[in-house]
Amino acid sequence: MLFGKKKEITPEIYSEDTCQSCSEKTKRHYEEGDYVYGSGLQCKKCMSSNTVVTAIYGEYPEEDTRAKA
């Protein structure tokens, strides 16, 4: 299809939690209600509840893993 409409590829949205106790960073899928400097999930390394969301960002899938139309 020469002049067909291209499919829009939506990025995967992630949140990054940083533990305030051990500085461990954890990447996870974004959840409704996440915001930067909001409370994060429990740290898996030191089991502390003192984590903060430090980043929210999107990543596009790799070129070779995209579905070919």
C-alpha atoms as a PDB file:
ATOM      1  CA  MET A   1       0.000   0.000   0.000  1.00  0.00           C
ATOM      2  CA  LEU A   2       1.791   3.095  -1.222  1.00  0.00           C
ATOM      3  CA  PHE A   3      -0.208   5.912   0.307  1.00  0.00           C
ATOM      4  CA  GLY A   4      -1.874   4.032   3.130  1.00  0.00           C
ATOM      5  CA  LYS A   5      -2.336   5.436   6.568  1.00  0.00           C
ATOM      6  CA  LYS A   6       0.503   4.512   8.911  1.00  0.00           C
ATOM      7  CA  LYS A   7      -0.341   2.835  12.181  1.00  0.00           C
ATOM      8  CA  GLU A   8       0.558   4.887  15.211  1.00  0.00           C
ATOM      9  CA  ILE A   9       2.854   3.036  17.546  1.00  0.00           C
ATOM     10  CA  THR A  10       2.203   3.882  21.161  1.00  0.00           C
ATOM     11  CA  PRO A  11       5.058   3.802  23.654  1.00  0.00           C
ATOM     12  CA  GLU A  12       5.075   1.664  26.792  1.00  0.00           C
ATOM     13  CA  ILE A  13       4.846   3.972  29.821  1.00  0.00           C
ATOM     14  CA  TYR A  14       7.089   3.251  32.809  1.00  0.00           C
ATOM     15  CA  SER A  15       7.591   4.663  36.300  1.00  0.00           C
ATOM     16  CA  GLU A  16      10.955   4.554  38.050  1.00  0.00           C
ATOM     17  CA  ASP A  17      10.986   4.187  41.845  1.00  0.00           C
ATOM     18  CA  THR A  18      14.053   5.113  43.892  1.00  0.00           C
ATOM     19  CA  CYS A  19      14.498   3.812  47.434  1.00  0.00           C
ATOM     20  CA  GLN A  20      15.422   6.553  49.887  1.00  0.00           C
ATOM     21  CA  SER A  21      17.148   4.006  52.170  1.00  0.00           C
ATOM     22  CA  CYS A  22      19.412   2.018  49.808  1.00  0.00           C
ATOM     23  CA  SER A  23      19.190   4.078  46.542  1.00  0.00           C
ATOM     24  CA  GLU A  24      17.970   1.033  44.552  1.00  0.00           C
ATOM     25  CA  LYS A  25      16.157   2.048  41.337  1.00  0.00           C
ATOM     26  CA  THR A  26      13.276  -0.058  40.048  1.00  0.00           C
ATOM     27  CA  LYS A  27      11.599   0.266  36.628  1.00  0.00           C
ATOM     28  CA  ARG A  28       7.946  -0.804  36.478  1.00  0.00           C
ATOM     29  CA  HIS A  29       4.884  -0.278  34.313  1.00  0.00           C
ATOM     30  CA  TYR A  30       3.089   2.992  34.965  1.00  0.00           C
ATOM     31  CA  GLU A  31       0.003   2.754  37.154  1.00  0.00           C
ATOM     32  CA  GLU A  32      -2.897   5.207  37.158  1.00  0.00           C
ATOM     33  CA  GLY A  33      -2.196   7.815  39.849  1.00  0.00           C
ATOM     34  CA  ASP A  34       1.620   7.681  39.648  1.00  0.00           C
ATOM     35  CA  TYR A  35       3.301  11.075  39.733  1.00  0.00           C
ATOM     36  CA  VAL A  36       6.880  12.293  40.132  1.00  0.00           C
ATOM     37  CA  TYR A  37       7.877  12.619  43.814  1.00  0.00           C
ATOM     38  CA  GLY A  38       4.835  10.576  44.834  1.00  0.00           C
ATOM     39  CA  SER A  39       5.094   7.443  46.968  1.00  0.00           C
ATOM     40  CA  GLY A  40       6.436   4.394  45.168  1.00  0.00           C
ATOM     41  CA  LEU A  41       6.161   0.669  45.826  1.00  0.00           C
ATOM     42  CA  GLN A  42       8.052  -1.254  48.494  1.00  0.00           C
ATOM     43  CA  CYS A  43      11.771  -1.710  47.743  1.00  0.00           C
ATOM     44  CA  LYS A  44      12.551  -5.304  46.712  1.00  0.00           C
ATOM     45  CA  LYS A  45      16.180  -5.044  47.845  1.00  0.00           C
ATOM     46  CA  CYS A  46      15.855  -3.740  51.426  1.00  0.00           C
ATOM     47  CA  MET A  47      12.062  -4.098  51.897  1.00  0.00           C
ATOM     48  CA  SER A  48      11.748  -0.406  52.855  1.00  0.00           C
ATOM     49  CA  SER A  49       8.475   1.412  52.178  1.00  0.00           C
ATOM     50  CA  ASN A  50      10.390   4.648  51.743  1.00  0.00           C
ATOM     51  CA  THR A  51      10.451   4.850  47.932  1.00  0.00           C
ATOM     52  CA  VAL A  52       9.679   7.782  45.645  1.00  0.00           C
ATOM     53  CA  VAL A  53       8.659   7.887  41.970  1.00  0.00           C
ATOM     54  CA  THR A  54      11.578   9.761  40.380  1.00  0.00           C
ATOM     55  CA  ALA A  55      10.690   9.463  36.681  1.00  0.00           C
ATOM     56  CA  ILE A  56       7.794   8.664  34.364  1.00  0.00           C
ATOM     57  CA  TYR A  57       8.683   8.049  30.731  1.00  0.00           C
ATOM     58  CA  GLY A  58       7.736   6.190  27.565  1.00  0.00           C
ATOM     59  CA  GLU A  59       9.778   3.749  25.503  1.00  0.00           C
ATOM     60  CA  TYR A  60       8.970   2.700  21.958  1.00  0.00           C
ATOM     61  CA  PRO A  61       9.308  -0.998  21.128  1.00  0.00           C
ATOM     62  CA  GLU A  62      12.473  -2.107  19.336  1.00  0.00           C
ATOM     63  CA  GLU A  63      12.325  -1.819  15.529  1.00  0.00           C
ATOM     64  CA  ASP A  64      12.591  -5.587  14.948  1.00  0.00           C
ATOM     65  CA  THR A  65       9.850  -6.470  17.495  1.00  0.00           C
ATOM     66  CA  ARG A  66       7.242  -4.179  15.904  1.00  0.00           C
ATOM     67  CA  ALA A  67       4.463  -5.943  14.040  1.00  0.00           C
ATOM     68  CA  LYS A  68       4.819  -5.622  10.292  1.00  0.00           C
ATOM     69  CA  ALA A  69       1.657  -4.429   8.559  1.00  0.00           C
END
